[in-house]
Amino acid sequence: MRYNVNMKKQLWFKRKQYGWGWYPVSVEGWIVTIVFIVAAFLLFTVGVSEDEVPVNRLIILGLMVILFIIIGYRTGEKPKWQWGNKK
């Protein structure tokens, strides 16, 4: 199997036009985003008692956010601050 060196990798996330960050542009990017949102929602709604201190859940959420940023960094455009299109 031959590998084409000029072949671009498919981006899962593109850089935002205003500010810093990404938004999903492929099916894979949308799947990662939806899984993150559902997992974060379930983390704080399933099995929560009134007496529980949610520190462990906040730590898990923080790790999920870090993982989400790493996935965006590896599969998206290089992040940078920008403010609109340059003329």
N, C-alpha and C. Protein backbone atom coordinates (compact mmCIF):
# COMPACT_ATOMS: atom_id res chain seq x y z
N MET A 1 0.84 -1.17 0.00
CA MET A 1 0.00 0.00 0.00
C MET A 1 0.89 1.24 0.00
N ARG A 2 0.61 2.12 -0.90
CA ARG A 2 1.42 3.34 -1.02
C ARG A 2 0.76 4.46 -0.23
N TYR A 3 1.60 5.27 0.39
CA TYR A 3 1.11 6.39 1.17
C TYR A 3 1.42 7.67 0.43
N ASN A 4 0.43 8.48 0.21
CA ASN A 4 0.61 9.75 -0.48
C ASN A 4 1.06 10.80 0.54
N VAL A 5 2.27 11.31 0.36
CA VAL A 5 2.84 12.28 1.29
C VAL A 5 2.07 13.59 1.25
N ASN A 6 1.51 13.95 0.12
CA ASN A 6 0.79 15.21 -0.03
C ASN A 6 -0.64 15.15 0.52
N MET A 7 -1.05 13.98 0.97
CA MET A 7 -2.41 13.83 1.47
C MET A 7 -2.58 14.55 2.80
N LYS A 8 -3.58 15.41 2.89
CA LYS A 8 -3.85 16.14 4.13
C LYS A 8 -4.64 15.25 5.07
N LYS A 9 -4.39 15.43 6.37
CA LYS A 9 -5.20 14.71 7.35
C LYS A 9 -6.55 15.40 7.47
N GLN A 10 -7.59 14.61 7.71
CA GLN A 10 -8.92 15.17 7.86
C GLN A 10 -9.03 15.79 9.25
N LEU A 11 -9.50 17.02 9.30
CA LEU A 11 -9.66 17.72 10.57
C LEU A 11 -10.98 17.32 11.22
N TRP A 12 -10.92 17.06 12.52
CA TRP A 12 -12.13 16.81 13.28
C TRP A 12 -12.69 18.12 13.81
N PHE A 13 -11.79 19.07 14.10
CA PHE A 13 -12.17 20.36 14.66
C PHE A 13 -11.45 21.47 13.89
N LYS A 14 -12.16 22.57 13.64
CA LYS A 14 -11.55 23.74 13.01
C LYS A 14 -11.44 24.86 14.03
N ARG A 15 -10.48 25.73 13.79
CA ARG A 15 -10.26 26.88 14.67
C ARG A 15 -11.42 27.86 14.52
N LYS A 16 -11.84 28.43 15.65
CA LYS A 16 -12.92 29.42 15.62
C LYS A 16 -12.45 30.70 14.94
N GLN A 17 -13.36 31.40 14.30
CA GLN A 17 -13.02 32.64 13.61
C GLN A 17 -12.79 33.78 14.61
N TYR A 18 -13.50 33.75 15.71
CA TYR A 18 -13.35 34.79 16.74
C TYR A 18 -12.98 34.11 18.06
N GLY A 19 -11.91 34.56 18.68
CA GLY A 19 -11.49 34.02 19.96
C GLY A 19 -10.53 32.86 19.82
N TRP A 20 -10.51 31.99 20.84
CA TRP A 20 -9.62 30.84 20.87
C TRP A 20 -10.46 29.60 21.07
N GLY A 21 -10.17 28.56 20.32
CA GLY A 21 -10.88 27.30 20.49
C GLY A 21 -11.24 26.67 19.17
N TRP A 22 -12.01 25.60 19.25
CA TRP A 22 -12.38 24.84 18.06
C TRP A 22 -13.89 24.58 18.04
N TYR A 23 -14.35 24.16 16.87
CA TYR A 23 -15.71 23.64 16.74
C TYR A 23 -15.64 22.41 15.84
N PRO A 24 -16.54 21.42 16.07
CA PRO A 24 -16.47 20.17 15.30
C PRO A 24 -16.90 20.37 13.85
N VAL A 25 -16.17 19.71 12.92
CA VAL A 25 -16.50 19.83 11.50
C VAL A 25 -16.63 18.47 10.83
N SER A 26 -16.36 17.40 11.53
CA SER A 26 -16.49 16.07 10.94
C SER A 26 -17.38 15.22 11.84
N VAL A 27 -17.75 14.06 11.33
CA VAL A 27 -18.57 13.14 12.11
C VAL A 27 -17.84 12.74 13.39
N GLU A 28 -16.55 12.48 13.28
CA GLU A 28 -15.76 12.10 14.44
C GLU A 28 -15.74 13.20 15.49
N GLY A 29 -15.58 14.44 15.05
CA GLY A 29 -15.59 15.57 15.96
C GLY A 29 -16.91 15.72 16.68
N TRP A 30 -18.00 15.55 15.93
CA TRP A 30 -19.32 15.64 16.55
C TRP A 30 -19.55 14.51 17.53
N ILE A 31 -19.08 13.30 17.21
CA ILE A 31 -19.24 12.17 18.12
C ILE A 31 -18.50 12.43 19.43
N VAL A 32 -17.26 12.90 19.34
CA VAL A 32 -16.47 13.21 20.54
C VAL A 32 -17.18 14.27 21.37
N THR A 33 -17.70 15.30 20.72
CA THR A 33 -18.38 16.39 21.43
C THR A 33 -19.65 15.89 22.12
N ILE A 34 -20.45 15.12 21.43
CA ILE A 34 -21.70 14.61 22.00
C ILE A 34 -21.41 13.64 23.15
N VAL A 35 -20.41 12.77 22.98
CA VAL A 35 -20.05 11.84 24.07
C VAL A 35 -19.59 12.63 25.29
N PHE A 36 -18.82 13.68 25.09
CA PHE A 36 -18.36 14.50 26.21
C PHE A 36 -19.54 15.14 26.94
N ILE A 37 -20.48 15.72 26.21
CA ILE A 37 -21.63 16.38 26.82
C ILE A 37 -22.49 15.39 27.59
N VAL A 38 -22.77 14.23 26.99
CA VAL A 38 -23.60 13.22 27.64
C VAL A 38 -22.89 12.68 28.89
N ALA A 39 -21.59 12.41 28.79
CA ALA A 39 -20.84 11.89 29.95
C ALA A 39 -20.82 12.92 31.08
N ALA A 40 -20.64 14.19 30.75
CA ALA A 40 -20.64 15.23 31.79
C ALA A 40 -22.02 15.34 32.43
N PHE A 41 -23.07 15.25 31.65
CA PHE A 41 -24.43 15.31 32.19
C PHE A 41 -24.69 14.12 33.11
N LEU A 42 -24.33 12.92 32.66
CA LEU A 42 -24.56 11.72 33.47
C LEU A 42 -23.71 11.72 34.73
N LEU A 43 -22.54 12.30 34.65
CA LEU A 43 -21.64 12.34 35.81
C LEU A 43 -22.28 13.05 36.99
N PHE A 44 -23.09 14.07 36.72
CA PHE A 44 -23.69 14.85 37.81
C PHE A 44 -25.17 14.57 38.03
N THR A 45 -25.75 13.63 37.30
CA THR A 45 -27.16 13.34 37.50
C THR A 45 -27.43 11.92 37.98
N VAL A 46 -26.56 10.97 37.65
CA VAL A 46 -26.80 9.57 38.00
C VAL A 46 -26.14 9.26 39.33
N GLY A 47 -26.91 8.75 40.27
CA GLY A 47 -26.38 8.29 41.54
C GLY A 47 -25.89 9.37 42.47
N VAL A 48 -26.42 10.58 42.36
CA VAL A 48 -26.00 11.67 43.24
C VAL A 48 -26.94 11.73 44.44
N SER A 49 -26.35 11.72 45.64
CA SER A 49 -27.17 11.87 46.84
C SER A 49 -26.98 13.29 47.37
N GLU A 50 -27.92 13.72 48.21
CA GLU A 50 -27.86 15.08 48.74
C GLU A 50 -26.69 15.29 49.70
N ASP A 51 -26.25 14.22 50.35
CA ASP A 51 -25.17 14.32 51.33
C ASP A 51 -23.78 14.23 50.70
N GLU A 52 -23.72 13.88 49.44
CA GLU A 52 -22.43 13.66 48.78
C GLU A 52 -21.75 14.98 48.45
N VAL A 53 -20.46 15.03 48.70
CA VAL A 53 -19.66 16.18 48.29
C VAL A 53 -19.09 15.84 46.91
N PRO A 54 -19.37 16.65 45.88
CA PRO A 54 -19.03 16.26 44.50
C PRO A 54 -17.58 16.52 44.10
N VAL A 55 -16.64 16.46 45.06
CA VAL A 55 -15.23 16.74 44.72
C VAL A 55 -14.70 15.70 43.74
N ASN A 56 -15.00 14.42 43.99
CA ASN A 56 -14.53 13.38 43.07
C ASN A 56 -15.09 13.57 41.67
N ARG A 57 -16.34 13.96 41.60
CA ARG A 57 -16.96 14.18 40.28
C ARG A 57 -16.36 15.39 39.58
N LEU A 58 -15.99 16.41 40.34
CA LEU A 58 -15.34 17.57 39.73
C LEU A 58 -13.95 17.22 39.20
N ILE A 59 -13.25 16.36 39.92
CA ILE A 59 -11.93 15.91 39.45
C ILE A 59 -12.08 15.11 38.16
N ILE A 60 -13.06 14.22 38.11
CA ILE A 60 -13.32 13.45 36.89
C ILE A 60 -13.69 14.38 35.74
N LEU A 61 -14.53 15.37 36.01
CA LEU A 61 -14.91 16.34 34.97
C LEU A 61 -13.69 17.10 34.47
N GLY A 62 -12.81 17.50 35.38
CA GLY A 62 -11.58 18.18 34.98
C GLY A 62 -10.71 17.32 34.08
N LEU A 63 -10.59 16.04 34.40
CA LEU A 63 -9.83 15.12 33.55
C LEU A 63 -10.49 14.94 32.19
N MET A 64 -11.83 14.91 32.18
CA MET A 64 -12.55 14.81 30.90
C MET A 64 -12.29 16.04 30.03
N VAL A 65 -12.28 17.22 30.64
CA VAL A 65 -12.03 18.46 29.90
C VAL A 65 -10.62 18.45 29.33
N ILE A 66 -9.64 18.01 30.13
CA ILE A 66 -8.26 17.94 29.64
C ILE A 66 -8.15 16.97 28.48
N LEU A 67 -8.81 15.82 28.58
CA LEU A 67 -8.81 14.85 27.48
C LEU A 67 -9.46 15.44 26.23
N PHE A 68 -10.56 16.16 26.41
CA PHE A 68 -11.26 16.79 25.29
C PHE A 68 -10.36 17.82 24.59
N ILE A 69 -9.62 18.59 25.36
CA ILE A 69 -8.69 19.58 24.79
C ILE A 69 -7.56 18.89 24.05
N ILE A 70 -7.03 17.81 24.60
CA ILE A 70 -5.96 17.06 23.93
C ILE A 70 -6.45 16.50 22.60
N ILE A 71 -7.66 15.95 22.57
CA ILE A 71 -8.22 15.43 21.33
C ILE A 71 -8.38 16.56 20.32
N GLY A 72 -8.89 17.71 20.75
CA GLY A 72 -9.03 18.86 19.85
C GLY A 72 -7.69 19.33 19.33
N TYR A 73 -6.68 19.34 20.16
CA TYR A 73 -5.35 19.79 19.76
C TYR A 73 -4.73 18.84 18.73
N ARG A 74 -4.91 17.54 18.93
CA ARG A 74 -4.30 16.56 18.02
C ARG A 74 -5.06 16.40 16.71
N THR A 75 -6.36 16.62 16.72
CA THR A 75 -7.15 16.36 15.52
C THR A 75 -7.68 17.64 14.87
N GLY A 76 -7.30 18.79 15.40
CA GLY A 76 -7.80 20.06 14.86
C GLY A 76 -6.67 20.95 14.38
N GLU A 77 -7.06 22.13 13.93
CA GLU A 77 -6.07 23.11 13.49
C GLU A 77 -5.30 23.63 14.69
N LYS A 78 -4.14 24.21 14.41
CA LYS A 78 -3.32 24.77 15.47
C LYS A 78 -4.10 25.91 16.15
N PRO A 79 -4.23 25.86 17.48
CA PRO A 79 -5.01 26.91 18.14
C PRO A 79 -4.24 28.23 18.21
N LYS A 80 -4.96 29.30 18.01
CA LYS A 80 -4.40 30.63 18.20
C LYS A 80 -5.55 31.60 18.37
N TRP A 81 -5.26 32.73 18.98
CA TRP A 81 -6.26 33.76 19.16
C TRP A 81 -6.41 34.50 17.83
N GLN A 82 -7.64 34.67 17.39
CA GLN A 82 -7.87 35.45 16.17
C GLN A 82 -9.20 36.18 16.31
N TRP A 83 -9.31 37.25 15.55
CA TRP A 83 -10.50 38.08 15.61
C TRP A 83 -10.94 38.41 14.19
N GLY A 84 -11.64 37.47 13.57
CA GLY A 84 -12.18 37.67 12.22
C GLY A 84 -11.20 37.32 11.15
N ASN A 85 -11.61 37.59 9.91
CA ASN A 85 -10.76 37.32 8.75
C ASN A 85 -9.81 38.48 8.51
N LYS A 86 -8.59 38.13 8.13
CA LYS A 86 -7.64 39.17 7.77
C LYS A 86 -7.88 39.56 6.32
N LYS A 87 -7.83 40.86 6.06
CA LYS A 87 -8.09 41.34 4.71
C LYS A 87 -6.84 41.44 3.91
